[in-house]
Amino acid sequence: MFSDVKLHIIYNIANTRIRTYPFPHIYVPQVFPDGFYRELRRNLPDNDGYIALADTMRVGTGYSRARLSLFPADLDKAKISPAQRDFWRRVFDTLGDAEFASCVFDRFRPSIEQRFQQGDNKRRGLKVWHETFLMRDLETYSLGPHTDSPTKLVSMLFYLPEDDSSSELGTSLYLPKDRGFISEGGPHLPFEDFDHVMTVPYAPNVVASFPKTQACFHGVEPVKGPNKQRDILFFDLKGKVKE
């Protein structure tokens, strides 16, 4: 089953056109087979099956405790059933397959090559790896406009809501009010310094993806309202120039 799912995802991602404004990105509905999407939903852990991202040593002190995470390395100690543990291990392995990673790289190859074929970088190779994990953002979570860290090549977010009643919780794309402003990556910047262009709808069985550049400003509008949360399966493609 997982092999068929992988090919279904690759087909949909590889054949979706890249939208170029305000920066390259794709938005793909029905990315998983419907039956498999229902399996993803059924196997989502309860809150106590996750670990606060602030407790993983992957982020700085003071990071919001409203973002919960489940990484492959944490599966064995997570408070989830053996069946859930096996399911998510197979999902992480499927998205970590070289064939899938190559599809993601190729989809955004022009942006990646433009970024790394500058100066001395064009004379050296690029080491590429990936990371796949689950996130749950609770109702007090928000994320100011930012570009991703320099090690990121591509961000891919598979949305996992029950329905489209919270479509406003999707990833938002921004332009700086100072149109010439760029950021190497990292700091989350004030919303008031940016124009909101659009929010990719947080809807069932949707994936949103974009490459890392110094101008791909994205974020999350504050999650508001009782019982609001975002469930997302992340696939991050990372890389650095070989020494």
C-alpha atoms as a PDB file:
ATOM      1  CA  MET A   1       0.000   0.000   0.000  1.00  0.00           C
ATOM      2  CA  PHE A   2       2.700   2.485   0.942  1.00  0.00           C
ATOM      3  CA  SER A   3       4.463   2.066  -2.409  1.00  0.00           C
ATOM      4  CA  ASP A   4       1.236   2.911  -4.241  1.00  0.00           C
ATOM      5  CA  VAL A   5       0.721   5.914  -1.969  1.00  0.00           C
ATOM      6  CA  LYS A   6       4.219   7.166  -2.718  1.00  0.00           C
ATOM      7  CA  LEU A   7       3.644   6.991  -6.469  1.00  0.00           C
ATOM      8  CA  HIS A   8       0.274   8.723  -6.115  1.00  0.00           C
ATOM      9  CA  ILE A   9       1.925  11.612  -4.233  1.00  0.00           C
ATOM     10  CA  ILE A  10       4.813  11.862  -6.688  1.00  0.00           C
ATOM     11  CA  TYR A  11       2.404  11.947  -9.641  1.00  0.00           C
ATOM     12  CA  ASN A  12       0.376  14.792  -8.136  1.00  0.00           C
ATOM     13  CA  ILE A  13       3.372  16.861  -7.050  1.00  0.00           C
ATOM     14  CA  ALA A  14       5.367  16.362 -10.250  1.00  0.00           C
ATOM     15  CA  ASN A  15       2.437  17.379 -12.466  1.00  0.00           C
ATOM     16  CA  THR A  16       1.295  20.465 -10.580  1.00  0.00           C
ATOM     17  CA  ARG A  17       2.329  23.801 -12.036  1.00  0.00           C
ATOM     18  CA  ILE A  18       4.495  26.124  -9.991  1.00  0.00           C
ATOM     19  CA  ARG A  19       2.847  29.402  -9.060  1.00  0.00           C
ATOM     20  CA  THR A  20       5.449  32.153  -9.278  1.00  0.00           C
ATOM     21  CA  TYR A  21       3.967  35.028  -7.237  1.00  0.00           C
ATOM     22  CA  PRO A  22       4.952  36.263  -4.723  1.00  0.00           C
ATOM     23  CA  PHE A  23       7.601  33.517  -4.893  1.00  0.00           C
ATOM     24  CA  PRO A  24       7.649  29.984  -6.354  1.00  0.00           C
ATOM     25  CA  HIS A  25       5.198  27.643  -4.616  1.00  0.00           C
ATOM     26  CA  ILE A  26       2.785  24.828  -5.283  1.00  0.00           C
ATOM     27  CA  TYR A  27      -0.599  24.020  -3.801  1.00  0.00           C
ATOM     28  CA  VAL A  28      -1.850  20.488  -4.493  1.00  0.00           C
ATOM     29  CA  PRO A  29      -5.336  19.233  -3.500  1.00  0.00           C
ATOM     30  CA  GLN A  30      -6.112  15.517  -3.147  1.00  0.00           C
ATOM     31  CA  VAL A  31      -2.427  14.767  -2.766  1.00  0.00           C
ATOM     32  CA  PHE A  32      -3.032  11.428  -0.985  1.00  0.00           C
ATOM     33  CA  PRO A  33      -5.462   8.705  -2.051  1.00  0.00           C
ATOM     34  CA  ASP A  34      -8.712   9.342  -0.161  1.00  0.00           C
ATOM     35  CA  GLY A  35      -8.581   6.082   1.768  1.00  0.00           C
ATOM     36  CA  PHE A  36      -5.016   6.694   2.894  1.00  0.00           C
ATOM     37  CA  TYR A  37      -5.880  10.227   3.988  1.00  0.00           C
ATOM     38  CA  ARG A  38      -8.524   8.757   6.282  1.00  0.00           C
ATOM     39  CA  GLU A  39      -5.839   6.435   7.699  1.00  0.00           C
ATOM     40  CA  LEU A  40      -3.606   9.430   8.383  1.00  0.00           C
ATOM     41  CA  ARG A  41      -6.432  11.123  10.249  1.00  0.00           C
ATOM     42  CA  ARG A  42      -7.283   7.988  12.256  1.00  0.00           C
ATOM     43  CA  ASN A  43      -3.680   7.586  13.399  1.00  0.00           C
ATOM     44  CA  LEU A  44      -3.067  11.142  14.581  1.00  0.00           C
ATOM     45  CA  PRO A  45      -1.929  11.012  18.232  1.00  0.00           C
ATOM     46  CA  ASP A  46      -3.664  12.709  21.122  1.00  0.00           C
ATOM     47  CA  ASN A  47      -1.861  15.774  22.457  1.00  0.00           C
ATOM     48  CA  ASP A  48       0.056  13.731  25.033  1.00  0.00           C
ATOM     49  CA  GLY A  49       1.464  11.612  22.205  1.00  0.00           C
ATOM     50  CA  TYR A  50       3.490  14.608  21.028  1.00  0.00           C
ATOM     51  CA  ILE A  51       6.440  16.457  22.568  1.00  0.00           C
ATOM     52  CA  ALA A  52       6.490  20.245  22.841  1.00  0.00           C
ATOM     53  CA  LEU A  53       8.947  21.437  20.213  1.00  0.00           C
ATOM     54  CA  ALA A  54      10.448  23.696  22.883  1.00  0.00           C
ATOM     55  CA  ASP A  55      11.531  20.536  24.748  1.00  0.00           C
ATOM     56  CA  THR A  56      13.355  18.935  21.803  1.00  0.00           C
ATOM     57  CA  MET A  57      16.430  21.244  21.787  1.00  0.00           C
ATOM     58  CA  ARG A  58      15.664  22.020  18.115  1.00  0.00           C
ATOM     59  CA  VAL A  59      14.584  25.598  18.836  1.00  0.00           C
ATOM     60  CA  GLY A  60      15.747  28.405  21.082  1.00  0.00           C
ATOM     61  CA  THR A  61      14.604  29.115  24.605  1.00  0.00           C
ATOM     62  CA  GLY A  62      11.320  30.949  24.806  1.00  0.00           C
ATOM     63  CA  TYR A  63       9.872  29.190  21.740  1.00  0.00           C
ATOM     64  CA  SER A  64       6.082  28.837  21.839  1.00  0.00           C
ATOM     65  CA  ARG A  65       4.869  25.808  23.788  1.00  0.00           C
ATOM     66  CA  ALA A  66       1.766  25.761  21.586  1.00  0.00           C
ATOM     67  CA  ARG A  67       3.688  23.840  18.905  1.00  0.00           C
ATOM     68  CA  LEU A  68       3.812  20.071  19.479  1.00  0.00           C
ATOM     69  CA  SER A  69       6.026  17.694  17.517  1.00  0.00           C
ATOM     70  CA  LEU A  70       6.600  14.039  16.760  1.00  0.00           C
ATOM     71  CA  PHE A  71       9.910  13.183  15.055  1.00  0.00           C
ATOM     72  CA  PRO A  72      10.983   9.702  13.937  1.00  0.00           C
ATOM     73  CA  ALA A  73      13.612   9.567  16.693  1.00  0.00           C
ATOM     74  CA  ASP A  74      10.881  10.128  19.303  1.00  0.00           C
ATOM     75  CA  LEU A  75       8.512   7.372  18.141  1.00  0.00           C
ATOM     76  CA  ASP A  76       9.737   4.721  20.564  1.00  0.00           C
ATOM     77  CA  LYS A  77       9.184   6.925  23.620  1.00  0.00           C
ATOM     78  CA  ALA A  78       5.988   8.600  22.418  1.00  0.00           C
ATOM     79  CA  LYS A  79       2.737   7.888  24.284  1.00  0.00           C
ATOM     80  CA  ILE A  80       1.049   6.243  21.313  1.00  0.00           C
ATOM     81  CA  SER A  81      -0.144   2.728  20.561  1.00  0.00           C
ATOM     82  CA  PRO A  82       2.148   0.162  18.891  1.00  0.00           C
ATOM     83  CA  ALA A  83      -0.102   0.316  15.806  1.00  0.00           C
ATOM     84  CA  GLN A  84       0.272   4.108  15.598  1.00  0.00           C
ATOM     85  CA  ARG A  85       4.030   3.805  16.096  1.00  0.00           C
ATOM     86  CA  ASP A  86       4.309   1.327  13.225  1.00  0.00           C
ATOM     87  CA  PHE A  87       2.044   3.402  10.977  1.00  0.00           C
ATOM     88  CA  TRP A  88       3.978   6.643  11.405  1.00  0.00           C
ATOM     89  CA  ARG A  89       7.327   4.914  11.068  1.00  0.00           C
ATOM     90  CA  ARG A  90       6.177   3.595   7.686  1.00  0.00           C
ATOM     91  CA  VAL A  91       4.866   7.023   6.667  1.00  0.00           C
ATOM     92  CA  PHE A  92       8.166   8.688   7.602  1.00  0.00           C
ATOM     93  CA  ASP A  93      10.103   5.995   5.737  1.00  0.00           C
ATOM     94  CA  THR A  94       7.904   6.378   2.648  1.00  0.00           C
ATOM     95  CA  LEU A  95       8.453  10.127   2.454  1.00  0.00           C
ATOM     96  CA  GLY A  96      12.137   9.585   3.180  1.00  0.00           C
ATOM     97  CA  ASP A  97      12.484   7.394   0.096  1.00  0.00           C
ATOM     98  CA  ALA A  98      15.089   8.617  -2.407  1.00  0.00           C
ATOM     99  CA  GLU A  99      12.538   8.575  -5.222  1.00  0.00           C
ATOM    100  CA  PHE A 100      10.240  10.952  -3.360  1.00  0.00           C
ATOM    101  CA  ALA A 101      13.092  13.232  -2.279  1.00  0.00           C
ATOM    102  CA  SER A 102      14.300  13.414  -5.889  1.00  0.00           C
ATOM    103  CA  CYS A 103      10.805  14.427  -7.023  1.00  0.00           C
ATOM    104  CA  VAL A 104      10.739  17.294  -4.519  1.00  0.00           C
ATOM    105  CA  PHE A 105      14.236  18.424  -5.481  1.00  0.00           C
ATOM    106  CA  ASP A 106      13.432  18.323  -9.193  1.00  0.00           C
ATOM    107  CA  ARG A 107      10.189  20.268  -8.686  1.00  0.00           C
ATOM    108  CA  PHE A 108      12.138  23.236  -7.357  1.00  0.00           C
ATOM    109  CA  ARG A 109      15.448  22.570  -9.075  1.00  0.00           C
ATOM    110  CA  PRO A 110      15.639  26.012 -10.811  1.00  0.00           C
ATOM    111  CA  SER A 111      15.323  27.861  -7.489  1.00  0.00           C
ATOM    112  CA  ILE A 112      17.814  25.572  -5.755  1.00  0.00           C
ATOM    113  CA  GLU A 113      20.371  25.794  -8.555  1.00  0.00           C
ATOM    114  CA  GLN A 114      20.040  29.561  -8.793  1.00  0.00           C
ATOM    115  CA  ARG A 115      20.723  29.829  -5.084  1.00  0.00           C
ATOM    116  CA  PHE A 116      23.773  27.549  -5.057  1.00  0.00           C
ATOM    117  CA  GLN A 117      25.365  28.382  -8.392  1.00  0.00           C
ATOM    118  CA  GLN A 118      26.709  31.703  -7.241  1.00  0.00           C
ATOM    119  CA  GLY A 119      30.350  32.542  -6.600  1.00  0.00           C
ATOM    120  CA  ASP A 120      32.517  29.704  -5.340  1.00  0.00           C
ATOM    121  CA  ASN A 121      29.451  27.545  -4.660  1.00  0.00           C
ATOM    122  CA  LYS A 122      29.130  26.582  -8.314  1.00  0.00           C
ATOM    123  CA  ARG A 123      32.438  24.746  -8.134  1.00  0.00           C
ATOM    124  CA  ARG A 124      31.381  22.496  -5.271  1.00  0.00           C
ATOM    125  CA  GLY A 125      28.721  19.859  -4.815  1.00  0.00           C
ATOM    126  CA  LEU A 126      25.631  20.001  -2.652  1.00  0.00           C
ATOM    127  CA  LYS A 127      25.009  17.521   0.175  1.00  0.00           C
ATOM    128  CA  VAL A 128      21.255  16.891   0.479  1.00  0.00           C
ATOM    129  CA  TRP A 129      19.233  15.223   3.239  1.00  0.00           C
ATOM    130  CA  HIS A 130      15.646  15.333   4.471  1.00  0.00           C
ATOM    131  CA  GLU A 131      13.552  15.434   7.627  1.00  0.00           C
ATOM    132  CA  THR A 132       9.963  14.221   8.022  1.00  0.00           C
ATOM    133  CA  PHE A 133       7.848  14.808  11.134  1.00  0.00           C
ATOM    134  CA  LEU A 134       4.418  15.636  12.543  1.00  0.00           C
ATOM    135  CA  MET A 135       3.422  18.988  14.050  1.00  0.00           C
ATOM    136  CA  ARG A 136       0.344  20.127  15.939  1.00  0.00           C
ATOM    137  CA  ASP A 137      -0.176  23.861  16.471  1.00  0.00           C
ATOM    138  CA  LEU A 138      -2.577  24.768  19.263  1.00  0.00           C
ATOM    139  CA  GLU A 139      -4.860  27.782  19.482  1.00  0.00           C
ATOM    140  CA  THR A 140      -2.341  30.292  20.857  1.00  0.00           C
ATOM    141  CA  TYR A 141       0.214  29.637  18.094  1.00  0.00           C
ATOM    142  CA  SER A 142       1.335  32.142  15.448  1.00  0.00           C
ATOM    143  CA  LEU A 143       4.460  32.608  13.365  1.00  0.00           C
ATOM    144  CA  GLY A 144       5.579  35.981  12.058  1.00  0.00           C
ATOM    145  CA  PRO A 145       6.753  36.389   8.448  1.00  0.00           C
ATOM    146  CA  HIS A 146      10.176  34.855   7.891  1.00  0.00           C
ATOM    147  CA  THR A 147      12.343  32.975   5.436  1.00  0.00           C
ATOM    148  CA  ASP A 148      13.598  29.528   6.369  1.00  0.00           C
ATOM    149  CA  SER A 149      17.013  28.716   7.778  1.00  0.00           C
ATOM    150  CA  PRO A 150      19.913  28.571   5.303  1.00  0.00           C
ATOM    151  CA  THR A 151      20.096  24.771   5.537  1.00  0.00           C
ATOM    152  CA  LYS A 152      16.549  24.416   4.165  1.00  0.00           C
ATOM    153  CA  LEU A 153      16.122  23.712   0.448  1.00  0.00           C
ATOM    154  CA  VAL A 154      12.367  23.046   0.273  1.00  0.00           C
ATOM    155  CA  SER A 155       9.516  23.125   2.794  1.00  0.00           C
ATOM    156  CA  MET A 156       6.551  20.831   2.193  1.00  0.00           C
ATOM    157  CA  LEU A 157       3.463  20.896   4.426  1.00  0.00           C
ATOM    158  CA  PHE A 158       0.791  18.205   4.170  1.00  0.00           C
ATOM    159  CA  TYR A 159      -2.355  19.566   5.844  1.00  0.00           C
ATOM    160  CA  LEU A 160      -4.335  17.033   7.892  1.00  0.00           C
ATOM    161  CA  PRO A 161      -7.600  18.652   9.074  1.00  0.00           C
ATOM    162  CA  GLU A 162     -10.888  16.823   9.476  1.00  0.00           C
ATOM    163  CA  ASP A 163     -12.701  19.353   7.273  1.00  0.00           C
ATOM    164  CA  ASP A 164     -12.266  22.809   5.734  1.00  0.00           C
ATOM    165  CA  SER A 165     -13.953  24.740   8.553  1.00  0.00           C
ATOM    166  CA  SER A 166     -10.619  26.296   9.606  1.00  0.00           C
ATOM    167  CA  SER A 167      -9.250  27.125   6.155  1.00  0.00           C
ATOM    168  CA  GLU A 168      -7.789  30.392   7.486  1.00  0.00           C
ATOM    169  CA  LEU A 169      -5.151  28.422   9.415  1.00  0.00           C
ATOM    170  CA  GLY A 170      -3.083  27.622   6.340  1.00  0.00           C
ATOM    171  CA  THR A 171       0.405  28.967   5.649  1.00  0.00           C
ATOM    172  CA  SER A 172       0.331  32.622   4.604  1.00  0.00           C
ATOM    173  CA  LEU A 173       2.587  34.204   1.977  1.00  0.00           C
ATOM    174  CA  TYR A 174       3.863  37.758   2.399  1.00  0.00           C
ATOM    175  CA  LEU A 175       5.657  40.590   0.642  1.00  0.00           C
ATOM    176  CA  PRO A 176       7.721  43.043   2.685  1.00  0.00           C
ATOM    177  CA  LYS A 177       6.376  46.592   2.563  1.00  0.00           C
ATOM    178  CA  ASP A 178       9.942  47.496   1.632  1.00  0.00           C
ATOM    179  CA  ARG A 179       9.900  45.435  -1.553  1.00  0.00           C
ATOM    180  CA  GLY A 180      13.686  45.265  -1.685  1.00  0.00           C
ATOM    181  CA  PHE A 181      14.013  43.714   1.767  1.00  0.00           C
ATOM    182  CA  ILE A 182      15.433  40.182   1.983  1.00  0.00           C
ATOM    183  CA  SER A 183      16.363  37.920   4.868  1.00  0.00           C
ATOM    184  CA  GLU A 184      19.028  35.236   5.061  1.00  0.00           C
ATOM    185  CA  GLY A 185      16.650  33.296   7.287  1.00  0.00           C
ATOM    186  CA  GLY A 186      15.651  32.656  10.855  1.00  0.00           C
ATOM    187  CA  PRO A 187      14.051  35.590  12.693  1.00  0.00           C
ATOM    188  CA  HIS A 188      10.277  35.905  12.765  1.00  0.00           C
ATOM    189  CA  LEU A 189       9.451  39.476  11.798  1.00  0.00           C
ATOM    190  CA  PRO A 190       6.537  41.793  12.712  1.00  0.00           C
ATOM    191  CA  PHE A 191       3.334  41.266  10.743  1.00  0.00           C
ATOM    192  CA  GLU A 192       2.937  45.026  10.344  1.00  0.00           C
ATOM    193  CA  ASP A 193       6.100  45.212   8.203  1.00  0.00           C
ATOM    194  CA  PHE A 194       4.556  42.947   5.544  1.00  0.00           C
ATOM    195  CA  ASP A 195       1.657  42.816   3.128  1.00  0.00           C
ATOM    196  CA  HIS A 196      -0.358  39.623   3.339  1.00  0.00           C
ATOM    197  CA  VAL A 197      -0.686  38.188  -0.182  1.00  0.00           C
ATOM    198  CA  MET A 198      -2.676  34.999   0.405  1.00  0.00           C
ATOM    199  CA  THR A 199      -3.217  32.088   2.751  1.00  0.00           C
ATOM    200  CA  VAL A 200      -3.044  28.578   1.334  1.00  0.00           C
ATOM    201  CA  PRO A 201      -6.326  27.094   2.629  1.00  0.00           C
ATOM    202  CA  TYR A 202      -5.916  24.709   5.528  1.00  0.00           C
ATOM    203  CA  ALA A 203      -8.119  22.081   3.944  1.00  0.00           C
ATOM    204  CA  PRO A 204      -8.189  18.267   3.959  1.00  0.00           C
ATOM    205  CA  ASN A 205      -5.657  16.372   1.866  1.00  0.00           C
ATOM    206  CA  VAL A 206      -3.741  19.425   0.634  1.00  0.00           C
ATOM    207  CA  VAL A 207      -0.002  19.980   0.370  1.00  0.00           C
ATOM    208  CA  ALA A 208       1.717  23.360   0.128  1.00  0.00           C
ATOM    209  CA  SER A 209       5.397  23.638  -0.778  1.00  0.00           C
ATOM    210  CA  PHE A 210       8.020  26.270  -1.617  1.00  0.00           C
ATOM    211  CA  PRO A 211      11.812  26.549  -1.847  1.00  0.00           C
ATOM    212  CA  LYS A 212      14.066  28.421   0.507  1.00  0.00           C
ATOM    213  CA  THR A 213      15.127  31.801  -0.846  1.00  0.00           C
ATOM    214  CA  GLN A 214      15.930  35.104   0.808  1.00  0.00           C
ATOM    215  CA  ALA A 215      12.552  36.436  -0.328  1.00  0.00           C
ATOM    216  CA  CYS A 216      10.131  33.563   0.395  1.00  0.00           C
ATOM    217  CA  PHE A 217       8.439  35.201   3.359  1.00  0.00           C
ATOM    218  CA  HIS A 218       5.788  33.006   4.937  1.00  0.00           C
ATOM    219  CA  GLY A 219       4.175  32.589   8.318  1.00  0.00           C
ATOM    220  CA  VAL A 220       1.054  31.695  10.241  1.00  0.00           C
ATOM    221  CA  GLU A 221      -1.620  34.193  11.162  1.00  0.00           C
ATOM    222  CA  PRO A 222      -2.506  33.894  14.882  1.00  0.00           C
ATOM    223  CA  VAL A 223      -4.582  30.787  15.558  1.00  0.00           C
ATOM    224  CA  LYS A 224      -7.778  32.131  17.133  1.00  0.00           C
ATOM    225  CA  GLY A 225     -10.917  30.563  18.507  1.00  0.00           C
ATOM    226  CA  PRO A 226     -11.721  27.706  20.891  1.00  0.00           C
ATOM    227  CA  ASN A 227     -10.456  24.245  19.968  1.00  0.00           C
ATOM    228  CA  LYS A 228      -8.545  25.528  16.936  1.00  0.00           C
ATOM    229  CA  GLN A 229      -5.480  23.518  15.975  1.00  0.00           C
ATOM    230  CA  ARG A 230      -3.391  22.668  12.907  1.00  0.00           C
ATOM    231  CA  ASP A 231      -2.214  19.140  12.188  1.00  0.00           C
ATOM    232  CA  ILE A 232       0.583  19.023   9.609  1.00  0.00           C
ATOM    233  CA  LEU A 233       2.909  16.357   8.244  1.00  0.00           C
ATOM    234  CA  PHE A 234       6.162  18.081   7.270  1.00  0.00           C
ATOM    235  CA  PHE A 235       8.744  17.057   4.706  1.00  0.00           C
ATOM    236  CA  ASP A 236      11.806  19.309   4.726  1.00  0.00           C
ATOM    237  CA  LEU A 237      14.534  18.942   2.132  1.00  0.00           C
ATOM    238  CA  LYS A 238      17.820  20.285   3.463  1.00  0.00           C
ATOM    239  CA  GLY A 239      21.279  20.806   2.047  1.00  0.00           C
ATOM    240  CA  LYS A 240      24.619  22.506   2.265  1.00  0.00           C
ATOM    241  CA  VAL A 241      27.626  22.972   0.053  1.00  0.00           C
ATOM    242  CA  LYS A 242      30.221  20.255   0.585  1.00  0.00           C
ATOM    243  CA  GLU A 243      33.413  21.417   2.222  1.00  0.00           C
END
